N, C-alpha and C. Protein backbone atom coordinates (compact mmCIF):
# COMPACT_ATOMS: atom_id res chain seq x y z
N MET A 1 3.68 52.44 1.71
CA MET A 1 3.00 51.88 0.57
C MET A 1 2.54 53.01 -0.35
N SER A 2 2.50 52.73 -1.61
CA SER A 2 2.02 53.73 -2.56
C SER A 2 0.52 53.90 -2.45
N SER A 3 0.07 55.06 -2.80
CA SER A 3 -1.36 55.31 -2.79
C SER A 3 -1.68 56.49 -3.67
N SER A 4 -2.90 56.52 -4.16
CA SER A 4 -3.32 57.69 -4.91
C SER A 4 -3.62 58.79 -3.91
N LYS A 5 -3.66 60.04 -4.37
CA LYS A 5 -3.91 61.15 -3.45
C LYS A 5 -5.31 61.09 -2.86
N SER A 6 -6.29 60.58 -3.61
CA SER A 6 -7.65 60.57 -3.11
C SER A 6 -7.96 59.35 -2.26
N SER A 7 -7.18 58.28 -2.36
CA SER A 7 -7.49 57.04 -1.64
C SER A 7 -6.23 56.39 -1.09
N PRO A 8 -5.73 56.85 0.05
CA PRO A 8 -4.52 56.23 0.58
C PRO A 8 -4.77 54.79 1.03
N LEU A 9 -3.89 53.91 0.63
CA LEU A 9 -3.99 52.50 0.98
C LEU A 9 -3.60 52.33 2.45
N LEU A 10 -4.45 51.67 3.21
CA LEU A 10 -4.20 51.45 4.63
C LEU A 10 -3.81 50.01 4.94
N ARG A 11 -4.38 49.04 4.21
CA ARG A 11 -4.10 47.64 4.52
C ARG A 11 -4.42 46.75 3.34
N LEU A 12 -3.57 45.74 3.12
CA LEU A 12 -3.84 44.67 2.16
C LEU A 12 -3.73 43.35 2.90
N VAL A 13 -4.71 42.49 2.72
CA VAL A 13 -4.69 41.16 3.32
C VAL A 13 -4.88 40.16 2.21
N LEU A 14 -3.94 39.22 2.09
CA LEU A 14 -4.03 38.16 1.09
C LEU A 14 -4.53 36.91 1.77
N ASP A 15 -5.60 36.35 1.26
CA ASP A 15 -6.24 35.17 1.85
C ASP A 15 -6.30 34.08 0.77
N TYR A 16 -5.47 33.05 0.93
CA TYR A 16 -5.43 31.95 -0.03
C TYR A 16 -6.48 30.93 0.36
N ARG A 17 -7.46 30.71 -0.52
CA ARG A 17 -8.57 29.79 -0.27
C ARG A 17 -8.58 28.74 -1.37
N GLY A 18 -7.79 27.69 -1.19
CA GLY A 18 -7.68 26.67 -2.24
C GLY A 18 -7.06 27.27 -3.48
N GLU A 19 -7.78 27.23 -4.58
CA GLU A 19 -7.31 27.77 -5.85
C GLU A 19 -7.61 29.26 -6.00
N GLU A 20 -8.30 29.84 -5.04
CA GLU A 20 -8.71 31.24 -5.11
C GLU A 20 -7.83 32.11 -4.21
N LEU A 21 -7.54 33.30 -4.66
CA LEU A 21 -6.85 34.29 -3.85
C LEU A 21 -7.80 35.45 -3.61
N VAL A 22 -8.10 35.73 -2.35
CA VAL A 22 -8.97 36.84 -1.99
C VAL A 22 -8.08 37.95 -1.43
N VAL A 23 -8.18 39.14 -1.99
CA VAL A 23 -7.41 40.30 -1.53
C VAL A 23 -8.37 41.27 -0.88
N ARG A 24 -8.15 41.54 0.40
CA ARG A 24 -8.96 42.55 1.09
C ARG A 24 -8.15 43.83 1.13
N CYS A 25 -8.74 44.89 0.67
CA CYS A 25 -8.07 46.18 0.53
C CYS A 25 -8.80 47.21 1.38
N LEU A 26 -8.11 47.79 2.35
CA LEU A 26 -8.69 48.84 3.18
C LEU A 26 -8.06 50.17 2.79
N TYR A 27 -8.90 51.14 2.51
CA TYR A 27 -8.41 52.45 2.09
C TYR A 27 -9.44 53.51 2.45
N ARG A 28 -9.02 54.75 2.41
CA ARG A 28 -9.94 55.86 2.63
C ARG A 28 -10.43 56.35 1.28
N SER A 29 -11.68 56.74 1.25
CA SER A 29 -12.27 57.19 -0.01
C SER A 29 -13.03 58.49 0.22
N ASN A 30 -13.06 59.32 -0.81
CA ASN A 30 -13.85 60.54 -0.74
C ASN A 30 -15.28 60.29 -1.21
N GLY A 31 -15.60 59.03 -1.56
CA GLY A 31 -16.97 58.66 -1.91
C GLY A 31 -17.39 58.99 -3.33
N GLU A 32 -16.44 59.32 -4.19
CA GLU A 32 -16.81 59.70 -5.56
C GLU A 32 -17.18 58.51 -6.44
N SER A 33 -16.63 57.33 -6.19
CA SER A 33 -16.94 56.18 -7.03
C SER A 33 -17.85 55.21 -6.27
N ASN A 34 -18.84 54.68 -6.96
CA ASN A 34 -19.82 53.79 -6.36
C ASN A 34 -19.38 52.33 -6.48
N PRO A 35 -19.78 51.47 -5.52
CA PRO A 35 -19.45 50.05 -5.59
C PRO A 35 -19.97 49.43 -6.89
N GLY A 36 -19.19 48.53 -7.47
CA GLY A 36 -19.62 47.83 -8.67
C GLY A 36 -19.41 48.57 -9.97
N THR A 37 -18.88 49.79 -9.92
CA THR A 37 -18.66 50.55 -11.15
C THR A 37 -17.27 50.27 -11.70
N LYS A 38 -17.08 50.54 -13.00
CA LYS A 38 -15.76 50.36 -13.62
C LYS A 38 -14.74 51.29 -12.97
N ARG A 39 -15.18 52.49 -12.63
CA ARG A 39 -14.27 53.45 -12.01
C ARG A 39 -13.75 52.91 -10.68
N ARG A 40 -14.65 52.35 -9.87
CA ARG A 40 -14.26 51.80 -8.57
C ARG A 40 -13.32 50.61 -8.75
N THR A 41 -13.62 49.75 -9.72
CA THR A 41 -12.76 48.60 -10.00
C THR A 41 -11.36 49.05 -10.38
N LYS A 42 -11.25 50.05 -11.25
CA LYS A 42 -9.93 50.56 -11.66
C LYS A 42 -9.19 51.19 -10.49
N GLU A 43 -9.91 51.91 -9.64
CA GLU A 43 -9.31 52.54 -8.46
C GLU A 43 -8.71 51.47 -7.54
N ILE A 44 -9.46 50.41 -7.29
CA ILE A 44 -8.99 49.34 -6.41
C ILE A 44 -7.84 48.58 -7.05
N GLN A 45 -7.92 48.30 -8.34
CA GLN A 45 -6.84 47.61 -9.03
C GLN A 45 -5.54 48.41 -8.91
N ALA A 46 -5.62 49.71 -9.07
CA ALA A 46 -4.43 50.56 -8.98
C ALA A 46 -3.86 50.55 -7.56
N LEU A 47 -4.73 50.63 -6.55
CA LEU A 47 -4.27 50.61 -5.16
C LEU A 47 -3.59 49.29 -4.82
N VAL A 48 -4.23 48.18 -5.18
CA VAL A 48 -3.68 46.85 -4.87
C VAL A 48 -2.37 46.63 -5.62
N THR A 49 -2.33 46.99 -6.89
CA THR A 49 -1.12 46.82 -7.68
C THR A 49 0.05 47.60 -7.08
N ALA A 50 -0.18 48.86 -6.74
CA ALA A 50 0.88 49.68 -6.15
C ALA A 50 1.32 49.12 -4.81
N GLY A 51 0.37 48.69 -4.00
CA GLY A 51 0.72 48.13 -2.70
C GLY A 51 1.53 46.86 -2.81
N LEU A 52 1.14 45.96 -3.71
CA LEU A 52 1.87 44.71 -3.90
C LEU A 52 3.26 44.97 -4.47
N GLN A 53 3.39 45.94 -5.36
CA GLN A 53 4.71 46.28 -5.92
C GLN A 53 5.63 46.81 -4.82
N ASP A 54 5.10 47.63 -3.91
CA ASP A 54 5.89 48.15 -2.79
C ASP A 54 6.34 47.01 -1.87
N VAL A 55 5.43 46.08 -1.60
CA VAL A 55 5.76 44.94 -0.74
C VAL A 55 6.85 44.09 -1.38
N LEU A 56 6.70 43.78 -2.64
CA LEU A 56 7.69 42.96 -3.34
C LEU A 56 9.05 43.65 -3.35
N ALA A 57 9.08 44.95 -3.60
CA ALA A 57 10.35 45.69 -3.59
C ALA A 57 11.01 45.63 -2.22
N GLY A 58 10.21 45.77 -1.16
CA GLY A 58 10.76 45.68 0.20
C GLY A 58 11.29 44.31 0.52
N LEU A 59 10.56 43.27 0.12
CA LEU A 59 11.02 41.90 0.35
C LEU A 59 12.32 41.61 -0.40
N GLN A 60 12.38 42.03 -1.65
CA GLN A 60 13.58 41.79 -2.46
C GLN A 60 14.78 42.56 -1.93
N ALA A 61 14.55 43.71 -1.32
CA ALA A 61 15.64 44.52 -0.76
C ALA A 61 16.06 44.04 0.63
N GLY A 62 15.31 43.10 1.20
CA GLY A 62 15.67 42.56 2.51
C GLY A 62 15.31 43.46 3.68
N ARG A 63 14.40 44.39 3.49
CA ARG A 63 14.00 45.31 4.56
C ARG A 63 12.81 44.74 5.33
N VAL A 64 13.00 43.57 5.96
CA VAL A 64 11.90 42.86 6.59
C VAL A 64 12.25 42.48 8.03
N ASP A 65 11.31 42.67 8.93
CA ASP A 65 11.42 42.20 10.31
C ASP A 65 10.18 41.39 10.63
N VAL A 66 10.35 40.28 11.36
CA VAL A 66 9.20 39.56 11.89
C VAL A 66 8.82 40.28 13.18
N VAL A 67 7.62 40.84 13.22
CA VAL A 67 7.20 41.66 14.36
C VAL A 67 6.12 40.99 15.20
N GLY A 68 5.69 39.81 14.79
CA GLY A 68 4.70 39.08 15.57
C GLY A 68 4.53 37.69 15.02
N SER A 69 4.17 36.76 15.88
CA SER A 69 3.92 35.40 15.43
C SER A 69 2.96 34.73 16.39
N SER A 70 2.29 33.68 15.90
CA SER A 70 1.39 32.90 16.74
C SER A 70 1.29 31.50 16.17
N GLY A 71 0.87 30.56 17.00
CA GLY A 71 0.64 29.20 16.54
C GLY A 71 1.82 28.30 16.78
N PHE A 72 1.55 27.00 16.69
CA PHE A 72 2.60 26.00 16.89
C PHE A 72 2.79 25.19 15.61
N THR A 73 1.77 24.46 15.19
CA THR A 73 1.89 23.70 13.94
C THR A 73 1.30 24.46 12.77
N GLN A 74 0.31 25.29 13.01
CA GLN A 74 -0.22 26.19 11.99
C GLN A 74 0.16 27.58 12.42
N ARG A 75 1.08 28.18 11.72
CA ARG A 75 1.68 29.43 12.18
C ARG A 75 1.22 30.63 11.39
N GLU A 76 1.21 31.75 12.08
CA GLU A 76 0.94 33.03 11.43
C GLU A 76 2.00 34.01 11.91
N ASP A 77 2.75 34.55 10.97
CA ASP A 77 3.77 35.55 11.28
C ASP A 77 3.37 36.87 10.65
N VAL A 78 3.69 37.95 11.31
CA VAL A 78 3.40 39.29 10.81
C VAL A 78 4.72 39.93 10.45
N LEU A 79 4.83 40.40 9.21
CA LEU A 79 6.06 41.03 8.73
C LEU A 79 5.89 42.53 8.66
N SER A 80 6.98 43.24 8.93
CA SER A 80 7.02 44.68 8.76
C SER A 80 8.14 44.98 7.78
N LEU A 81 7.83 45.73 6.73
CA LEU A 81 8.82 46.10 5.74
C LEU A 81 9.26 47.52 5.99
N LYS A 82 10.56 47.71 6.05
CA LYS A 82 11.12 49.03 6.32
C LYS A 82 11.37 49.79 5.03
N GLY A 83 11.18 51.09 5.08
CA GLY A 83 11.61 51.98 4.01
C GLY A 83 10.99 51.70 2.66
N SER A 84 9.66 51.46 2.61
CA SER A 84 9.01 51.32 1.30
C SER A 84 9.12 52.64 0.56
N SER A 85 8.80 52.63 -0.71
CA SER A 85 9.04 53.81 -1.55
C SER A 85 8.29 55.05 -1.10
N SER A 86 7.18 54.88 -0.37
CA SER A 86 6.46 56.01 0.20
C SER A 86 5.93 55.60 1.56
N SER A 87 5.46 56.55 2.32
CA SER A 87 5.01 56.29 3.68
C SER A 87 3.81 55.35 3.74
N ALA A 88 3.86 54.39 4.67
CA ALA A 88 2.73 53.47 4.85
C ALA A 88 1.57 54.16 5.54
N HIS A 89 1.80 55.30 6.13
CA HIS A 89 0.75 55.99 6.88
C HIS A 89 0.46 57.36 6.29
N GLU A 90 0.63 57.50 4.99
CA GLU A 90 0.33 58.76 4.32
C GLU A 90 -1.11 59.19 4.58
N GLY A 91 -1.30 60.41 4.89
CA GLY A 91 -2.63 60.96 5.04
C GLY A 91 -3.26 60.72 6.40
N GLU A 92 -2.53 60.07 7.32
CA GLU A 92 -3.11 59.84 8.65
C GLU A 92 -2.81 60.99 9.57
């Protein structure tokens, strides 16, 4: 997944709640931007946008494996995308 040098993206979770979409973004930070500031909002927007673009590119290229699943009538599957444009574990 793409990431800025100061804040590598670690995880994106999309949670559809009726008409609302909640995106949980996990990343490492050097602590320079404070919660609720315009700078922090822009930083998160850039991380989420880059991550979603990488996911979409991987899905469109067909580089997907189902690596986990659970449930019977309400199912949850976990996908792994191969060969995104940059390392998913950059900075680890």
